[in-house]
Amino acid sequence: MMANDSLDFNRIKGGLYGLLLGDAVGRCYEFNPPSQLPDFDAIDMVPPTDFRPTYAYVPVGTWTDDGAQALALLDSLLEHNGLLLDDFAEKLCQWLDNNRYTPDGIVFDCGIQTRAALNAIKQGVPVLKAAGNDEYSNGNGALMRVLPLVLWHQGDDEELVRLAMQQGLPTHGHPRSAVVCALYCLVAKRLLEQGVMPEVDDVQQQLRVYLSGSELQELQSILTAHQRINPKGSGYVVDTFWSALASLDHDNFKDVIRSAIMLGNDTDTTACVAGGLAGIYFGYDQLPKDWLEQLKGQDIVENLLAKLALQLSSKS
């Protein structure tokens, strides 16, 4: 991939905006089971008048903690031309405490695991010891924010896998979450390189080369999880991964997001994770114009994209 190629940057820009659009639309329907959602075609940035949106006081077109943390990761990567976990964790704390990376200066949502880890960091716990690392600490908070790493990264697969697993550590310490992030990043990288969605079973074979011990066991559990066949849109990181991938089989961006949301439950994150991949596939130019017009905070996004374009061009 040549970073200064206009088509490639259209896909890169599409990935970031796709993530944010999915998050902003999905926010309206969060915490509802599928049976309580509007009809497929009625899912929109502005919900139907007979449906009460989640966080009804939040302005239309506002991304959630998903988008804010993704922007924090991108900002940290650009500032240091690499992943510095202490800085990334500090930027996450700035988001939580000072509303940084939000369109309106308001933090209205934060995952339980993420809040606990960031509070521990603020109290002086080292970044690598702050997160829960038991099997029940496998929420989707690390996965929802990881895509900017792929959009920024210019190294080889081994380095991308290592960084994908590391970026989750400040808030999510279990290796299952780390392996899901690595698998998602390799899927996104192949999509960015080839312009077509790769087969997950092919990508996982490539990922295996860089894993060992318990990581390989976790990969196997991810690949054989029942959520692969029966995704539910929950906040469990494995389910989010398979739910997002199950939503991609559509010929336009809006229907990908609608499909992700129709799974119910953690709709903002499922749509965010699916939207990032769909944005890469369709490219920024094919994202829905009406949704883009409604998306708030685009000055923040454009500022980071300008820095990203400059950094990628210098690397090329």
Protein backbone atom coordinates (compact mmCIF):
# COMPACT_ATOMS: atom_id res chain seq x y z
CA MET A 1 0.00 0.00 0.00
CA MET A 2 1.31 3.43 -0.92
CA ALA A 3 0.20 5.88 1.71
CA ASN A 4 0.11 8.82 -0.71
CA ASP A 5 -2.23 7.08 -3.15
CA SER A 6 -5.59 8.90 -3.21
CA LEU A 7 -7.61 5.68 -3.36
CA ASP A 8 -5.83 4.29 -0.33
CA PHE A 9 -6.36 7.43 1.71
CA ASN A 10 -10.01 7.43 0.67
CA ARG A 11 -10.23 3.99 2.30
CA ILE A 12 -8.27 5.12 5.35
CA LYS A 13 -10.52 8.14 5.79
CA GLY A 14 -13.52 5.90 5.18
CA GLY A 15 -12.40 3.56 7.94
CA LEU A 16 -12.18 6.31 10.54
CA TYR A 17 -15.42 8.00 9.54
CA GLY A 18 -17.13 4.62 9.19
CA LEU A 19 -16.21 3.78 12.76
CA LEU A 20 -17.59 7.08 14.02
CA LEU A 21 -20.77 6.91 11.95
CA GLY A 22 -21.53 3.39 13.14
CA ASP A 23 -20.95 4.48 16.71
CA ALA A 24 -23.12 7.60 16.41
CA VAL A 25 -26.04 5.76 14.79
CA GLY A 26 -25.74 2.74 17.07
CA ARG A 27 -25.76 4.92 20.18
CA CYS A 28 -29.47 5.64 19.69
CA TYR A 29 -30.46 1.97 20.00
CA GLU A 30 -28.08 0.69 22.69
CA PHE A 31 -29.28 -1.70 25.43
CA ASN A 32 -32.39 -2.77 23.51
CA PRO A 33 -33.02 -6.40 22.52
CA PRO A 34 -33.74 -6.99 18.83
CA SER A 35 -37.47 -7.36 19.50
CA GLN A 36 -37.68 -3.76 20.73
CA LEU A 37 -35.88 -2.14 17.81
CA PRO A 38 -37.52 -0.38 14.87
CA ASP A 39 -37.80 -2.12 11.52
CA PHE A 40 -34.59 -2.54 9.54
CA ASP A 41 -35.29 0.28 7.07
CA ALA A 42 -36.30 2.64 9.88
CA ILE A 43 -32.88 2.45 11.58
CA ASP A 44 -31.31 5.85 10.99
CA MET A 45 -29.19 8.56 12.57
CA VAL A 46 -32.47 10.04 13.77
CA PRO A 47 -34.68 7.23 15.15
CA PRO A 48 -38.38 7.02 14.31
CA THR A 49 -40.59 9.32 16.37
CA ASP A 50 -42.23 6.38 18.16
CA PHE A 51 -38.87 5.04 19.39
CA ARG A 52 -37.18 6.62 22.40
CA PRO A 53 -33.43 6.73 21.71
CA THR A 54 -30.87 5.69 24.28
CA TYR A 55 -29.24 8.78 25.82
CA ALA A 56 -32.08 10.86 24.40
CA TYR A 57 -30.48 14.05 25.75
CA VAL A 58 -27.37 13.54 23.59
CA PRO A 59 -27.43 15.50 20.31
CA VAL A 60 -27.93 13.63 17.05
CA GLY A 61 -24.65 12.60 15.40
CA THR A 62 -22.61 12.29 18.61
CA TRP A 63 -20.16 9.42 18.94
CA THR A 64 -19.72 7.61 22.26
CA ASP A 65 -16.78 6.33 24.28
CA ASP A 66 -15.97 4.03 21.35
CA GLY A 67 -15.19 6.86 18.98
CA ALA A 68 -13.52 9.01 21.62
CA GLN A 69 -11.09 6.26 22.62
CA ALA A 70 -10.33 5.47 18.97
CA LEU A 71 -9.45 9.13 18.40
CA ALA A 72 -7.33 9.13 21.57
CA LEU A 73 -5.38 6.15 20.20
CA LEU A 74 -4.85 7.81 16.84
CA ASP A 75 -3.75 11.06 18.49
CA SER A 76 -1.22 9.22 20.64
CA LEU A 77 0.16 7.25 17.69
CA LEU A 78 0.58 10.43 15.66
CA GLU A 79 2.12 12.44 18.47
CA HIS A 80 4.82 9.86 19.19
CA ASN A 81 5.00 8.05 15.83
CA GLY A 82 4.46 4.86 17.79
CA LEU A 83 2.54 3.27 20.64
CA LEU A 84 3.50 4.60 24.06
CA LEU A 85 1.11 3.02 26.54
CA ASP A 86 1.68 5.57 29.29
CA ASP A 87 0.76 8.41 26.93
CA PHE A 88 -2.21 6.52 25.50
CA ALA A 89 -3.48 5.81 29.00
CA GLU A 90 -3.04 9.48 29.89
CA LYS A 91 -5.09 10.50 26.87
CA LEU A 92 -7.80 8.05 27.87
CA CYS A 93 -7.84 9.65 31.31
CA GLN A 94 -8.07 13.09 29.71
CA TRP A 95 -11.10 11.86 27.82
CA LEU A 96 -12.77 10.47 30.93
CA ASP A 97 -11.98 13.42 33.21
CA ASN A 98 -11.75 16.39 30.85
CA ASN A 99 -14.06 15.38 27.97
CA ARG A 100 -11.26 15.37 25.41
CA TYR A 101 -12.06 13.76 22.01
CA THR A 102 -15.79 14.38 22.45
CA PRO A 103 -17.86 16.48 20.02
CA ASP A 104 -19.69 18.42 22.75
CA GLY A 105 -17.38 18.21 25.76
CA ILE A 106 -19.56 15.61 27.46
CA VAL A 107 -18.68 12.04 28.49
CA PHE A 108 -21.93 10.13 28.84
CA ASP A 109 -20.81 6.51 28.52
CA CYS A 110 -17.90 4.42 29.76
CA GLY A 111 -17.50 0.66 30.11
CA ILE A 112 -17.19 -0.78 33.59
CA GLN A 113 -13.79 -2.38 32.96
CA THR A 114 -12.42 0.73 31.31
CA ARG A 115 -13.56 3.06 34.08
CA ALA A 116 -12.12 0.81 36.79
CA ALA A 117 -8.75 0.55 35.03
CA LEU A 118 -8.48 4.27 34.32
CA ASN A 119 -9.41 5.12 37.89
CA ALA A 120 -6.66 2.78 39.07
CA ILE A 121 -4.16 4.46 36.74
CA LYS A 122 -5.14 7.86 38.07
CA GLN A 123 -4.46 6.57 41.59
CA GLY A 124 -0.91 5.60 40.62
CA VAL A 125 -1.26 1.96 39.58
CA PRO A 126 1.19 1.19 36.73
CA VAL A 127 -0.50 1.07 33.33
CA LEU A 128 0.33 -2.60 32.79
CA LYS A 129 -1.17 -3.60 36.14
CA ALA A 130 -4.36 -1.56 36.14
CA ALA A 131 -6.67 -3.73 34.03
CA GLY A 132 -8.54 -6.84 35.04
CA ASN A 133 -7.02 -9.98 33.53
CA ASP A 134 -9.39 -12.78 34.50
CA GLU A 135 -11.61 -14.58 31.99
CA TYR A 136 -14.57 -12.39 32.90
CA SER A 137 -12.61 -9.29 31.95
CA ASN A 138 -13.30 -9.68 28.24
CA GLY A 139 -15.54 -6.78 27.37
CA ASN A 140 -15.16 -5.19 23.95
CA GLY A 141 -13.52 -1.93 25.06
CA ALA A 142 -10.12 -2.67 23.50
CA LEU A 143 -11.59 -3.94 20.23
CA MET A 144 -13.87 -0.96 19.66
CA ARG A 145 -10.96 1.51 19.54
CA VAL A 146 -8.20 -0.44 17.78
CA LEU A 147 -8.88 0.30 14.09
CA PRO A 148 -6.86 3.57 13.94
CA LEU A 149 -3.78 1.46 14.58
CA VAL A 150 -4.31 -0.24 11.21
CA LEU A 151 -4.97 3.06 9.44
CA TRP A 152 -1.71 4.49 10.81
CA HIS A 153 0.53 1.42 10.68
CA GLN A 154 3.14 0.94 7.93
CA GLY A 155 5.14 -1.99 9.32
CA ASP A 156 4.87 -5.75 8.87
CA ASP A 157 2.24 -8.13 10.18
CA GLU A 158 4.29 -9.20 13.18
CA GLU A 159 4.62 -5.63 14.42
CA LEU A 160 0.92 -4.92 13.83
CA VAL A 161 -0.08 -8.00 15.82
CA ARG A 162 2.18 -7.01 18.69
CA LEU A 163 0.86 -3.44 18.78
CA ALA A 164 -2.77 -4.54 18.46
CA MET A 165 -2.38 -6.76 21.50
CA GLN A 166 -0.52 -4.11 23.48
CA GLN A 167 -2.93 -1.22 22.92
CA GLY A 168 -5.65 -2.98 24.91
CA LEU A 169 -3.53 -3.57 28.00
CA PRO A 170 -4.26 -0.33 29.88
CA THR A 171 -7.92 -1.35 30.23
CA HIS A 172 -8.28 -5.00 29.17
CA GLY A 173 -5.63 -7.41 30.36
CA HIS A 174 -6.86 -10.86 29.33
CA PRO A 175 -5.12 -12.49 26.33
CA ARG A 176 -8.45 -13.33 24.67
CA SER A 177 -9.21 -9.65 24.18
CA ALA A 178 -5.68 -9.11 22.88
CA VAL A 179 -5.96 -11.94 20.33
CA VAL A 180 -9.35 -10.71 19.08
CA CYS A 181 -7.82 -7.27 18.53
CA ALA A 182 -4.92 -8.81 16.60
CA LEU A 183 -7.25 -10.89 14.43
CA TYR A 184 -9.46 -7.88 13.70
CA CYS A 185 -6.44 -5.75 12.79
CA LEU A 186 -5.11 -8.33 10.33
CA VAL A 187 -8.58 -8.61 8.75
CA ALA A 188 -8.70 -4.81 8.43
CA LYS A 189 -5.18 -4.66 7.01
CA ARG A 190 -5.99 -7.25 4.32
CA LEU A 191 -9.15 -5.34 3.47
CA LEU A 192 -7.19 -2.09 3.20
CA GLU A 193 -4.52 -3.73 1.04
CA GLN A 194 -6.76 -5.76 -1.25
CA GLY A 195 -10.07 -3.92 -1.30
CA VAL A 196 -12.01 -7.14 -0.62
CA MET A 197 -13.04 -8.75 2.62
CA PRO A 198 -10.63 -11.61 3.41
CA GLU A 199 -11.64 -15.02 4.71
CA VAL A 200 -11.18 -15.08 8.46
CA ASP A 201 -9.90 -18.65 8.35
CA ASP A 202 -7.11 -17.54 6.02
CA VAL A 203 -6.21 -14.59 8.23
CA GLN A 204 -6.14 -16.68 11.40
CA GLN A 205 -3.62 -19.02 9.80
CA GLN A 206 -1.37 -16.02 9.20
CA LEU A 207 -1.93 -14.81 12.76
CA ARG A 208 -0.92 -18.15 14.29
CA VAL A 209 2.68 -17.59 13.26
CA TYR A 210 2.95 -14.74 15.76
CA LEU A 211 1.18 -16.37 18.71
CA SER A 212 2.30 -18.93 21.26
CA GLY A 213 1.07 -20.91 24.26
CA SER A 214 -2.12 -19.55 25.78
CA GLU A 215 -2.54 -17.09 22.90
CA LEU A 216 -2.98 -19.98 20.48
CA GLN A 217 -5.49 -21.55 22.84
CA GLU A 218 -7.41 -18.29 22.97
CA LEU A 219 -7.40 -18.05 19.19
CA GLN A 220 -8.90 -21.51 18.95
CA SER A 221 -11.62 -20.60 21.44
CA ILE A 222 -12.43 -17.50 19.40
CA LEU A 223 -12.68 -19.43 16.15
CA THR A 224 -14.90 -22.14 17.62
CA ALA A 225 -17.08 -19.87 19.78
CA HIS A 226 -20.81 -20.39 19.34
CA GLN A 227 -21.13 -16.64 18.67
CA ARG A 228 -19.53 -17.27 15.28
CA ILE A 229 -22.72 -19.05 14.21
CA ASN A 230 -25.14 -17.26 16.50
CA PRO A 231 -23.99 -13.66 17.10
CA LYS A 232 -25.98 -11.67 19.66
CA GLY A 233 -24.49 -8.18 19.60
CA SER A 234 -23.45 -8.36 23.26
CA GLY A 235 -20.59 -6.57 24.99
CA TYR A 236 -18.44 -9.73 25.06
CA VAL A 237 -15.41 -9.12 22.86
CA VAL A 238 -15.70 -12.42 20.95
CA ASP A 239 -19.37 -11.81 20.24
CA THR A 240 -18.68 -8.25 19.10
CA PHE A 241 -16.10 -9.50 16.61
CA TRP A 242 -18.38 -12.11 15.06
CA SER A 243 -21.44 -9.85 15.25
CA ALA A 244 -19.61 -7.14 13.32
CA LEU A 245 -18.39 -9.55 10.66
CA ALA A 246 -21.87 -11.04 10.29
CA SER A 247 -23.17 -7.56 9.43
CA LEU A 248 -20.89 -6.89 6.47
CA ASP A 249 -22.72 -8.78 3.73
CA HIS A 250 -24.47 -5.78 2.19
CA ASP A 251 -23.84 -3.60 -0.85
CA ASN A 252 -24.06 -0.25 0.93
CA PHE A 253 -22.77 1.26 4.16
CA LYS A 254 -26.14 2.07 5.70
CA ASP A 255 -27.36 -1.50 5.50
CA VAL A 256 -24.16 -2.78 7.15
CA ILE A 257 -24.81 -0.48 10.10
CA ARG A 258 -28.50 -1.37 10.21
CA SER A 259 -27.65 -5.06 10.20
CA ALA A 260 -25.21 -4.56 13.10
CA ILE A 261 -27.77 -2.60 15.09
CA MET A 262 -30.55 -5.12 14.47
CA LEU A 263 -28.61 -7.63 16.57
CA GLY A 264 -29.52 -5.41 19.51
CA ASN A 265 -27.81 -4.96 22.88
CA ASP A 266 -24.41 -3.23 22.52
CA THR A 267 -25.46 -1.62 19.26
CA ASP A 268 -23.03 1.30 19.26
CA THR A 269 -19.99 -0.93 19.55
CA THR A 270 -21.16 -3.60 17.12
CA ALA A 271 -21.93 -0.86 14.58
CA CYS A 272 -18.65 0.89 15.34
CA VAL A 273 -16.55 -2.24 14.75
CA ALA A 274 -18.52 -3.17 11.63
CA GLY A 275 -18.56 0.43 10.42
CA GLY A 276 -14.79 0.71 10.49
CA LEU A 277 -14.42 -2.27 8.17
CA ALA A 278 -17.30 -1.16 5.96
CA GLY A 279 -15.80 2.31 5.72
CA ILE A 280 -12.52 0.84 4.49
CA TYR A 281 -14.37 -1.28 1.93
CA PHE A 282 -16.63 1.43 0.54
CA GLY A 283 -14.23 4.33 1.05
CA TYR A 284 -15.09 7.79 2.32
CA ASP A 285 -16.59 8.87 -1.01
CA GLN A 286 -19.30 6.19 -0.75
CA LEU A 287 -20.32 6.89 2.83
CA PRO A 288 -23.88 8.23 3.16
CA LYS A 289 -23.84 12.00 2.73
CA ASP A 290 -26.83 12.61 4.98
CA TRP A 291 -25.20 10.76 7.86
CA LEU A 292 -21.94 12.62 7.34
CA GLU A 293 -23.79 15.93 7.40
CA GLN A 294 -25.28 14.99 10.77
CA LEU A 295 -22.03 13.76 12.35
CA LYS A 296 -20.76 16.19 14.96
CA GLY A 297 -17.16 16.96 15.85
CA GLN A 298 -15.71 16.66 12.36
CA ASP A 299 -13.14 19.37 13.05
CA ILE A 300 -11.52 16.97 15.53
CA VAL A 301 -11.51 14.19 12.95
CA GLU A 302 -10.18 16.33 10.10
CA ASN A 303 -7.35 17.66 12.24
CA LEU A 304 -6.18 14.13 13.02
CA LEU A 305 -6.63 12.99 9.42
CA ALA A 306 -4.46 15.87 8.18
CA LYS A 307 -1.70 14.82 10.57
CA LEU A 308 -2.14 11.18 9.53
CA ALA A 309 -1.88 12.00 5.82
CA LEU A 310 1.30 13.99 6.44
CA GLN A 311 2.87 11.24 8.53
CA LEU A 312 1.98 8.49 6.05
CA SER A 313 3.37 10.52 3.17
CA SER A 314 6.64 11.09 5.00
CA LYS A 315 6.95 7.35 5.67
CA SER A 316 6.36 6.54 2.01
